[in-house]
Amino acid sequence: MYKLLTSILALAALAAQAQDYKPAPVSLSTKWGRAVSPDNVWQQHPRPQMQRADWQHLNGLWNYSVQKKAQESRLNMRV
């Protein structure tokens, strides 16, 4: 019961926090940077000639393991 109540309170706090968008404070800003808001951001990629037709994002979980030196050298020899 305690875990359920804690989870509900945490979700309520996150929902309340996500409602108001405010940009992070910036110590060094320009007049152009101050004029940008979520309503008037640039809609195009800044360099269309550099867009990739096919890409894969690497966010998420990775299968990673730390191996001993002997195992690493055997793996490198196969490549």
N, C-alpha and C. Protein backbone atom coordinates (compact mmCIF):
# COMPACT_ATOMS: atom_id res chain seq x y z
N MET A 1 0.83 -1.20 0.00
CA MET A 1 0.00 0.00 0.00
C MET A 1 0.87 1.26 0.00
N TYR A 2 1.96 1.20 0.77
CA TYR A 2 2.85 2.34 0.86
C TYR A 2 3.50 2.64 -0.49
N LYS A 3 3.93 1.58 -1.19
CA LYS A 3 4.55 1.76 -2.51
C LYS A 3 3.57 2.35 -3.51
N LEU A 4 2.32 1.90 -3.45
CA LEU A 4 1.30 2.42 -4.36
C LEU A 4 1.05 3.90 -4.10
N LEU A 5 0.93 4.28 -2.84
CA LEU A 5 0.69 5.68 -2.49
C LEU A 5 1.88 6.54 -2.90
N THR A 6 3.09 6.04 -2.68
CA THR A 6 4.29 6.78 -3.07
C THR A 6 4.36 6.96 -4.58
N SER A 7 4.02 5.91 -5.32
CA SER A 7 4.03 5.99 -6.78
C SER A 7 3.02 7.00 -7.29
N ILE A 8 1.83 7.00 -6.72
CA ILE A 8 0.79 7.95 -7.14
C ILE A 8 1.22 9.38 -6.86
N LEU A 9 1.80 9.62 -5.68
CA LEU A 9 2.25 10.96 -5.34
C LEU A 9 3.39 11.41 -6.26
N ALA A 10 4.30 10.51 -6.60
CA ALA A 10 5.41 10.85 -7.49
C ALA A 10 4.89 11.19 -8.88
N LEU A 11 3.94 10.41 -9.39
CA LEU A 11 3.37 10.70 -10.71
C LEU A 11 2.61 12.02 -10.71
N ALA A 12 1.90 12.31 -9.64
CA ALA A 12 1.18 13.59 -9.55
C ALA A 12 2.16 14.76 -9.54
N ALA A 13 3.27 14.61 -8.83
CA ALA A 13 4.27 15.68 -8.79
C ALA A 13 4.90 15.89 -10.16
N LEU A 14 5.19 14.81 -10.88
CA LEU A 14 5.76 14.93 -12.22
C LEU A 14 4.77 15.57 -13.19
N ALA A 15 3.51 15.21 -13.09
CA ALA A 15 2.49 15.78 -13.98
C ALA A 15 2.34 17.27 -13.73
N ALA A 16 2.36 17.68 -12.47
CA ALA A 16 2.24 19.10 -12.15
C ALA A 16 3.45 19.88 -12.64
N GLN A 17 4.61 19.26 -12.55
CA GLN A 17 5.84 19.92 -12.98
C GLN A 17 5.92 20.05 -14.50
N ALA A 18 5.38 19.10 -15.24
CA ALA A 18 5.48 19.09 -16.70
C ALA A 18 4.53 20.06 -17.36
N GLN A 19 3.58 20.60 -16.65
CA GLN A 19 2.58 21.47 -17.26
C GLN A 19 3.12 22.83 -17.66
N ASP A 20 4.01 23.38 -16.89
CA ASP A 20 4.53 24.71 -17.16
C ASP A 20 5.90 24.62 -17.81
N TYR A 21 5.98 25.03 -19.10
CA TYR A 21 7.25 25.03 -19.80
C TYR A 21 7.97 26.33 -19.51
N LYS A 22 9.18 26.23 -19.05
CA LYS A 22 10.02 27.40 -18.85
C LYS A 22 11.41 27.02 -19.30
N PRO A 23 12.03 27.82 -20.18
CA PRO A 23 13.39 27.49 -20.61
C PRO A 23 14.36 27.57 -19.44
N ALA A 24 15.41 26.80 -19.50
CA ALA A 24 16.43 26.82 -18.45
C ALA A 24 17.12 28.18 -18.45
N PRO A 25 17.53 28.66 -17.29
CA PRO A 25 18.22 29.95 -17.24
C PRO A 25 19.56 29.88 -17.98
N VAL A 26 19.86 30.93 -18.71
CA VAL A 26 21.08 30.98 -19.52
C VAL A 26 21.91 32.15 -19.04
N SER A 27 23.20 31.90 -18.82
CA SER A 27 24.05 32.97 -18.32
C SER A 27 24.51 33.90 -19.45
N LEU A 28 24.59 33.38 -20.67
CA LEU A 28 25.03 34.18 -21.80
C LEU A 28 24.01 34.00 -22.93
N SER A 29 23.35 35.06 -23.31
CA SER A 29 22.30 34.95 -24.31
C SER A 29 22.38 36.13 -25.28
N THR A 30 21.79 35.95 -26.45
CA THR A 30 21.74 37.02 -27.45
C THR A 30 20.30 37.47 -27.61
N LYS A 31 20.09 38.56 -28.33
CA LYS A 31 18.72 39.03 -28.54
C LYS A 31 17.93 38.01 -29.36
N TRP A 32 18.61 37.26 -30.23
CA TRP A 32 17.93 36.25 -31.04
C TRP A 32 17.56 35.03 -30.19
N GLY A 33 18.45 34.66 -29.30
CA GLY A 33 18.17 33.54 -28.41
C GLY A 33 17.01 33.83 -27.46
N ARG A 34 16.93 35.06 -27.00
CA ARG A 34 15.82 35.45 -26.10
C ARG A 34 14.49 35.48 -26.83
N ALA A 35 14.52 35.68 -28.16
CA ALA A 35 13.28 35.77 -28.93
C ALA A 35 12.69 34.40 -29.28
N VAL A 36 13.46 33.33 -29.12
CA VAL A 36 12.97 31.99 -29.48
C VAL A 36 12.04 31.47 -28.40
N SER A 37 10.92 30.92 -28.85
CA SER A 37 9.96 30.28 -27.94
C SER A 37 9.46 29.01 -28.61
N PRO A 38 8.73 28.15 -27.91
CA PRO A 38 8.21 26.93 -28.55
C PRO A 38 7.28 27.22 -29.72
N ASP A 39 6.74 28.44 -29.79
CA ASP A 39 5.81 28.79 -30.87
C ASP A 39 6.51 29.24 -32.15
N ASN A 40 7.75 29.72 -32.06
CA ASN A 40 8.40 30.26 -33.26
C ASN A 40 9.77 29.64 -33.54
N VAL A 41 9.95 28.38 -33.22
CA VAL A 41 11.23 27.73 -33.52
C VAL A 41 11.36 27.48 -35.02
N TRP A 42 12.58 27.34 -35.49
CA TRP A 42 12.85 27.09 -36.90
C TRP A 42 12.36 25.70 -37.25
N GLN A 43 11.55 25.57 -38.28
CA GLN A 43 10.91 24.30 -38.62
C GLN A 43 11.72 23.41 -39.54
N GLN A 44 12.78 23.94 -40.14
CA GLN A 44 13.57 23.15 -41.08
C GLN A 44 14.90 22.77 -40.45
N HIS A 45 15.49 21.72 -40.99
CA HIS A 45 16.83 21.34 -40.58
C HIS A 45 17.77 22.47 -40.99
N PRO A 46 18.73 22.85 -40.16
CA PRO A 46 19.58 24.00 -40.50
C PRO A 46 20.44 23.80 -41.75
N ARG A 47 20.79 22.56 -42.08
CA ARG A 47 21.58 22.29 -43.28
C ARG A 47 20.93 21.14 -44.04
N PRO A 48 19.94 21.40 -44.88
CA PRO A 48 19.23 20.32 -45.57
C PRO A 48 20.13 19.43 -46.40
N GLN A 49 21.24 19.95 -46.93
CA GLN A 49 22.12 19.12 -47.73
C GLN A 49 22.86 18.09 -46.87
N MET A 50 22.82 18.24 -45.55
CA MET A 50 23.53 17.31 -44.67
C MET A 50 22.58 16.32 -43.98
N GLN A 51 21.34 16.27 -44.38
CA GLN A 51 20.41 15.32 -43.77
C GLN A 51 20.73 13.90 -44.23
N ARG A 52 20.52 12.95 -43.34
CA ARG A 52 20.74 11.55 -43.68
C ARG A 52 19.42 10.91 -44.07
N ALA A 53 19.43 10.16 -45.15
CA ALA A 53 18.22 9.47 -45.59
C ALA A 53 17.92 8.29 -44.67
N ASP A 54 18.96 7.65 -44.15
CA ASP A 54 18.77 6.47 -43.30
C ASP A 54 19.69 6.60 -42.10
N TRP A 55 19.12 6.54 -40.90
CA TRP A 55 19.92 6.63 -39.69
C TRP A 55 19.26 5.80 -38.60
N GLN A 56 20.02 5.52 -37.57
CA GLN A 56 19.50 4.75 -36.44
C GLN A 56 19.96 5.43 -35.16
N HIS A 57 19.01 5.78 -34.30
CA HIS A 57 19.42 6.40 -33.04
C HIS A 57 19.89 5.31 -32.08
N LEU A 58 20.80 5.67 -31.20
CA LEU A 58 21.42 4.70 -30.32
C LEU A 58 20.96 4.85 -28.88
N ASN A 59 19.85 5.53 -28.66
CA ASN A 59 19.29 5.66 -27.32
C ASN A 59 18.70 4.33 -26.88
N GLY A 60 18.70 4.07 -25.61
CA GLY A 60 18.08 2.86 -25.10
C GLY A 60 19.06 1.97 -24.37
N LEU A 61 18.65 0.76 -24.11
CA LEU A 61 19.48 -0.18 -23.37
C LEU A 61 20.47 -0.87 -24.29
N TRP A 62 21.66 -1.09 -23.79
CA TRP A 62 22.70 -1.77 -24.53
C TRP A 62 23.11 -3.02 -23.77
N ASN A 63 23.47 -4.06 -24.51
CA ASN A 63 24.07 -5.23 -23.90
C ASN A 63 25.57 -4.99 -23.85
N TYR A 64 26.10 -4.78 -22.66
CA TYR A 64 27.50 -4.44 -22.49
C TYR A 64 28.08 -5.29 -21.38
N SER A 65 29.28 -5.76 -21.56
CA SER A 65 29.92 -6.52 -20.49
C SER A 65 31.41 -6.19 -20.47
N VAL A 66 31.95 -6.17 -19.28
CA VAL A 66 33.39 -5.96 -19.10
C VAL A 66 34.05 -7.32 -19.18
N GLN A 67 35.08 -7.43 -20.01
CA GLN A 67 35.74 -8.71 -20.22
C GLN A 67 37.20 -8.62 -19.80
N LYS A 68 37.77 -9.76 -19.51
CA LYS A 68 39.19 -9.81 -19.15
C LYS A 68 40.06 -9.54 -20.37
N LYS A 69 41.32 -9.16 -20.14
CA LYS A 69 42.24 -8.84 -21.23
C LYS A 69 42.40 -9.98 -22.23
N ALA A 70 42.50 -11.20 -21.77
CA ALA A 70 42.69 -12.34 -22.66
C ALA A 70 41.50 -12.49 -23.61
N GLN A 71 40.32 -12.28 -23.11
CA GLN A 71 39.13 -12.38 -23.95
C GLN A 71 39.09 -11.26 -24.97
N GLU A 72 39.49 -10.06 -24.55
CA GLU A 72 39.48 -8.91 -25.47
C GLU A 72 40.45 -9.15 -26.62
N SER A 73 41.63 -9.67 -26.35
CA SER A 73 42.62 -9.86 -27.41
C SER A 73 42.14 -10.92 -28.41
N ARG A 74 41.47 -11.97 -27.93
CA ARG A 74 40.94 -12.99 -28.84
C ARG A 74 39.85 -12.39 -29.73
N LEU A 75 39.01 -11.52 -29.15
CA LEU A 75 37.95 -10.90 -29.93
C LEU A 75 38.53 -9.97 -30.99
N ASN A 76 39.57 -9.23 -30.64
CA ASN A 76 40.18 -8.30 -31.59
C ASN A 76 40.85 -9.02 -32.73
N MET A 77 41.38 -10.22 -32.50
CA MET A 77 42.04 -10.97 -33.57
C MET A 77 41.05 -11.44 -34.63
N ARG A 78 39.82 -11.66 -34.23
CA ARG A 78 38.81 -12.13 -35.20
C ARG A 78 38.41 -11.03 -36.17
N VAL A 79 38.53 -9.81 -35.79
CA VAL A 79 38.06 -8.70 -36.61
C VAL A 79 38.94 -8.43 -37.75
